[in-house]
Protein backbone atom coordinates (compact mmCIF):
# COMPACT_ATOMS: atom_id res chain seq x y z
CA MET A 1 -7.05 -19.98 23.51
CA LYS A 2 -6.56 -16.32 22.58
CA LYS A 3 -2.84 -16.58 23.34
CA GLN A 4 -2.50 -19.68 21.13
CA GLU A 5 -4.37 -17.94 18.33
CA PHE A 6 -2.18 -14.86 18.63
CA PHE A 7 1.04 -16.87 18.33
CA ALA A 8 -0.44 -18.87 15.47
CA GLY A 9 -0.99 -15.58 13.70
CA ILE A 10 2.59 -14.54 14.38
CA LYS A 11 3.85 -17.79 12.89
CA ALA A 12 1.67 -17.37 9.79
CA GLY A 13 2.72 -13.72 9.37
CA LEU A 14 6.45 -14.25 9.71
CA PRO A 15 7.05 -14.58 5.93
CA VAL A 16 5.14 -11.32 5.43
CA CYS A 17 7.35 -9.67 8.05
CA ILE A 18 10.49 -10.74 6.19
CA GLY A 19 9.08 -9.56 2.87
CA TYR A 20 8.13 -6.20 4.34
CA LEU A 21 11.71 -5.58 5.50
CA SER A 22 13.01 -5.11 1.95
CA VAL A 23 10.11 -2.98 0.72
CA SER A 24 10.02 -0.70 3.76
CA PHE A 25 13.82 -0.36 3.61
CA GLY A 26 13.32 1.26 0.23
CA PHE A 27 10.61 3.52 1.65
CA GLY A 28 12.81 4.67 4.53
CA ALA A 29 15.71 5.43 2.21
CA MET A 30 13.45 7.28 -0.23
CA ALA A 31 11.76 9.29 2.52
CA VAL A 32 15.11 10.50 3.86
CA ALA A 33 16.25 11.28 0.31
CA GLN A 34 13.13 13.45 -0.09
CA GLY A 35 14.04 15.51 2.98
CA LEU A 36 12.20 13.77 5.83
CA SER A 37 14.02 13.02 9.07
CA ILE A 38 14.56 9.50 10.41
CA PHE A 39 11.92 10.10 13.09
CA GLN A 40 9.37 11.37 10.59
CA SER A 41 9.97 8.43 8.25
CA VAL A 42 9.58 5.86 11.03
CA LEU A 43 6.53 7.64 12.47
CA ILE A 44 4.78 7.42 9.10
CA SER A 45 5.30 3.65 9.05
CA VAL A 46 4.15 3.32 12.67
CA LEU A 47 0.88 5.11 11.95
CA ASN A 48 0.31 3.73 8.43
CA LEU A 49 0.63 0.25 7.01
CA THR A 50 0.17 0.97 3.33
CA SER A 51 3.17 0.72 1.05
CA ALA A 52 1.73 2.37 -2.07
CA GLY A 53 -0.03 5.01 0.02
CA GLN A 54 3.13 5.91 1.91
CA PHE A 55 5.27 6.14 -1.22
CA ALA A 56 2.64 8.31 -2.92
CA GLY A 57 2.19 10.43 0.19
CA VAL A 58 5.89 11.20 0.46
CA THR A 59 5.91 12.05 -3.25
CA VAL A 60 3.11 14.58 -2.72
CA LEU A 61 4.85 16.05 0.32
CA ALA A 62 8.14 16.36 -1.56
CA ALA A 63 6.35 18.13 -4.41
CA GLY A 64 4.87 20.65 -1.97
CA GLY A 65 1.31 19.44 -2.51
CA ALA A 66 -1.61 20.76 -0.49
CA VAL A 67 -3.22 18.81 2.34
CA LEU A 68 -6.35 18.25 0.25
CA GLU A 69 -4.25 16.67 -2.50
CA LEU A 70 -2.64 14.40 0.03
CA ILE A 71 -6.04 13.35 1.41
CA LEU A 72 -7.46 12.68 -2.06
CA THR A 73 -4.39 10.67 -3.05
CA GLN A 74 -4.66 8.47 0.03
CA LEU A 75 -8.41 8.09 -0.40
CA VAL A 76 -8.05 6.82 -3.96
CA ILE A 77 -5.04 4.57 -3.40
CA ASN A 78 -6.31 3.05 -0.15
CA SER A 79 -9.99 2.75 -1.05
CA ARG A 80 -9.52 -0.99 -1.61
CA TYR A 81 -9.02 -1.46 2.12
CA ALA A 82 -12.64 -0.51 2.75
CA LEU A 83 -13.82 -3.37 0.52
CA MET A 84 -11.28 -5.74 2.01
CA SER A 85 -12.41 -4.87 5.53
CA MET A 86 -16.04 -5.51 4.60
CA ALA A 87 -15.11 -8.98 3.36
CA LEU A 88 -12.92 -9.63 6.36
CA THR A 89 -15.48 -8.62 8.96
CA GLN A 90 -17.89 -11.24 7.64
CA ARG A 91 -15.43 -13.96 8.63
CA LEU A 92 -14.92 -12.73 12.19
CA GLY A 93 -18.34 -13.80 13.42
CA PRO A 94 -21.17 -11.87 15.10
CA GLU A 95 -19.64 -12.19 18.57
CA THR A 96 -16.75 -9.89 17.62
CA SER A 97 -17.35 -6.38 18.94
CA GLY A 98 -17.08 -3.28 16.79
CA LEU A 99 -14.05 -2.05 18.77
CA LYS A 100 -12.17 -5.29 18.11
CA ARG A 101 -13.06 -5.10 14.42
CA MET A 102 -11.66 -1.58 14.18
CA ALA A 103 -8.48 -2.63 15.98
CA ALA A 104 -8.01 -5.53 13.59
CA ALA A 105 -8.68 -3.27 10.60
CA PHE A 106 -5.52 -1.29 11.38
CA PHE A 107 -3.46 -4.33 10.34
CA ASN A 108 -5.50 -4.98 7.19
CA THR A 109 -2.84 -4.88 4.49
CA ASP A 110 -3.02 -6.84 1.24
CA GLU A 111 -0.82 -9.66 2.54
CA VAL A 112 -2.33 -9.90 6.04
CA PHE A 113 -5.81 -9.83 4.49
CA ALA A 114 -4.83 -12.80 2.32
CA LEU A 115 -3.65 -14.69 5.41
CA GLY A 116 -6.94 -14.03 7.15
CA MET A 117 -9.18 -14.91 4.24
CA THR A 118 -7.33 -18.11 3.32
CA ARG A 119 -7.04 -19.47 6.84
CA VAL A 120 -8.64 -22.88 7.19
CA GLY A 121 -11.29 -22.87 9.89
CA LYS A 122 -12.58 -20.00 11.96
CA LEU A 123 -10.84 -16.64 11.74
CA THR A 124 -10.32 -14.93 15.09
CA VAL A 125 -9.26 -11.41 15.98
CA SER A 126 -6.34 -12.84 17.98
CA PHE A 127 -4.99 -14.69 14.94
CA PHE A 128 -5.41 -11.70 12.64
CA THR A 129 -3.85 -9.33 15.20
CA GLY A 130 -0.90 -11.66 15.65
CA ALA A 131 -0.27 -11.83 11.91
CA GLY A 132 -0.68 -8.07 11.61
CA THR A 133 1.59 -7.32 14.58
CA ILE A 134 4.57 -9.29 13.25
CA ALA A 135 4.02 -7.81 9.78
CA ALA A 136 3.94 -4.29 11.24
CA ILE A 137 7.15 -4.95 13.16
CA GLY A 138 8.86 -5.91 9.92
CA TRP A 139 7.49 -2.84 8.16
CA VAL A 140 8.63 -0.41 10.87
CA ALA A 141 12.00 -2.11 11.37
CA GLY A 142 12.72 -2.01 7.64
CA THR A 143 11.77 1.67 7.51
CA ALA A 144 14.10 2.45 10.41
CA MET A 145 17.01 0.60 8.81
CA GLY A 146 16.38 2.23 5.45
CA SER A 147 16.14 5.68 7.02
CA VAL A 148 19.39 5.28 8.94
CA ALA A 149 21.20 3.84 5.93
CA GLY A 150 19.82 6.57 3.71
CA SER A 151 20.94 9.32 6.08
CA LEU A 152 24.51 7.96 6.15
CA LEU A 153 24.89 7.48 2.42
CA PRO A 154 26.01 10.24 0.01
CA LEU A 155 23.26 12.35 -1.55
CA SER A 156 23.77 10.82 -4.99
CA VAL A 157 23.30 7.30 -3.62
CA ARG A 158 20.24 8.31 -1.59
CA ALA A 159 18.63 9.76 -4.69
CA ALA A 160 19.37 6.56 -6.60
CA LEU A 161 17.63 4.48 -3.92
CA GLY A 162 14.35 6.03 -5.05
CA VAL A 163 14.57 3.73 -8.07
CA MET A 164 13.72 0.84 -5.73
CA LEU A 165 10.13 2.09 -5.63
CA TYR A 166 9.71 1.87 -9.38
CA GLY A 167 11.41 -1.51 -9.48
CA MET A 168 8.97 -2.80 -6.87
CA PHE A 169 5.94 -1.57 -8.83
CA ILE A 170 7.30 -3.04 -12.08
CA ALA A 171 7.84 -6.40 -10.39
CA ILE A 172 4.23 -6.36 -9.16
CA VAL A 173 2.47 -5.01 -12.24
CA VAL A 174 4.28 -6.55 -15.22
CA PRO A 175 3.54 -10.25 -14.49
CA GLN A 176 -0.16 -9.48 -13.92
CA ALA A 177 -0.32 -7.26 -17.00
CA ARG A 178 1.13 -10.04 -19.16
CA GLN A 179 -1.55 -12.45 -17.98
CA GLU A 180 -4.64 -10.23 -17.98
CA LYS A 181 -5.56 -7.82 -20.79
CA PRO A 182 -7.68 -5.44 -18.60
CA ILE A 183 -4.74 -4.85 -16.28
CA LEU A 184 -2.44 -4.18 -19.25
CA ILE A 185 -4.91 -1.68 -20.72
CA CYS A 186 -5.33 0.04 -17.33
CA VAL A 187 -1.54 0.35 -16.90
CA LEU A 188 -1.10 1.75 -20.41
CA LEU A 189 -3.93 4.27 -19.90
CA ALA A 190 -2.44 5.44 -16.61
CA LEU A 191 0.93 5.77 -18.35
CA VAL A 192 -0.54 7.86 -21.17
CA PHE A 193 -2.44 10.12 -18.76
CA SER A 194 0.66 10.57 -16.61
CA CYS A 195 2.72 11.57 -19.66
CA LEU A 196 0.07 14.10 -20.63
CA PHE A 197 0.23 15.72 -17.20
CA GLN A 198 4.01 15.74 -17.40
CA TRP A 199 4.46 17.25 -20.87
CA MET A 200 1.27 19.03 -21.97
CA PRO A 201 1.58 22.82 -21.50
CA VAL A 202 -1.63 23.33 -19.51
CA LEU A 203 -1.77 19.99 -17.72
CA HIS A 204 1.84 20.35 -16.63
CA GLN A 205 0.73 23.05 -14.19
CA VAL A 206 -1.41 20.55 -12.23
CA SER A 207 0.30 19.50 -9.01
CA ALA A 208 1.75 15.99 -8.65
CA GLY A 209 -0.75 14.89 -6.02
CA LEU A 210 -3.82 15.92 -8.00
CA ALA A 211 -2.35 14.42 -11.18
CA ILE A 212 -1.97 11.04 -9.44
CA VAL A 213 -5.62 11.13 -8.35
CA ILE A 214 -6.91 12.10 -11.81
CA CYS A 215 -4.80 9.49 -13.64
CA THR A 216 -5.80 6.72 -11.23
CA VAL A 217 -9.53 7.47 -11.30
CA ALA A 218 -9.61 8.04 -15.07
CA ALA A 219 -7.79 4.80 -15.95
CA ALA A 220 -9.81 2.75 -13.47
CA THR A 221 -13.13 4.22 -14.65
CA ILE A 222 -12.42 3.55 -18.32
CA CYS A 223 -11.39 -0.05 -17.62
CA ALA A 224 -14.43 -0.59 -15.39
CA VAL A 225 -16.64 0.40 -18.33
CA LEU A 226 -14.68 -1.58 -20.93
CA PHE A 227 -14.14 -4.68 -18.83
CA PRO A 228 -16.99 -5.06 -16.32
CA VAL A 229 -16.72 -7.95 -13.87
CA GLU A 230 -19.75 -10.21 -13.92
CA GLU A 231 -21.37 -10.99 -10.61
CA GLU A 232 -21.18 -14.56 -9.35
CA GLY A 233 -24.14 -16.56 -10.45
CA ALA A 234 -24.93 -14.27 -13.37
CA ALA A 235 -26.02 -16.02 -16.54
């Protein structure tokens, strides 16, 4: 039964694996362009399954940010995984041990979480682990290919590959921002704050990592106050 569930998860996660190849290819190329070795780039993807967190982390490292800035950046960007894990663990059932829950949480990315939460019927650790395993393979393989390709390309081309990151974020954010006003306002606020930290005389001295944290928290806080989400069942 566990074996069948595991392979069912692999089958469900295969499209995620293919999608991760292109995104992680961009990460690998960007990481090498920022001065990391192929081994370091791949190791980051082996130990972390968080696209935005990894891109931001490499940005902080490249800017010479302190360890505390790196920790704060990851804490803010990846805080959503704590909420997602809380929702996910409620579907696993009381018979699932804490150790198995923690093991499954390692694979809890946005896409794998969606597979788990939308699965018809009972969600098992074997299914979720299978989906997460094939997704992780795609993420690491794409990083390796991007790192190798990036190391073989001329410096000018490697630097240009960093544009892939911004293209990915634009493709994700713009459609949602066009549909929902709160998201549009949040994006515009983050853009304004980021410009202030880039061009204002005093704010320009703040490191890149800390600036990311401040901009993210400030924009999210303002939008949380302006556009509160009503609880289900509220009148």
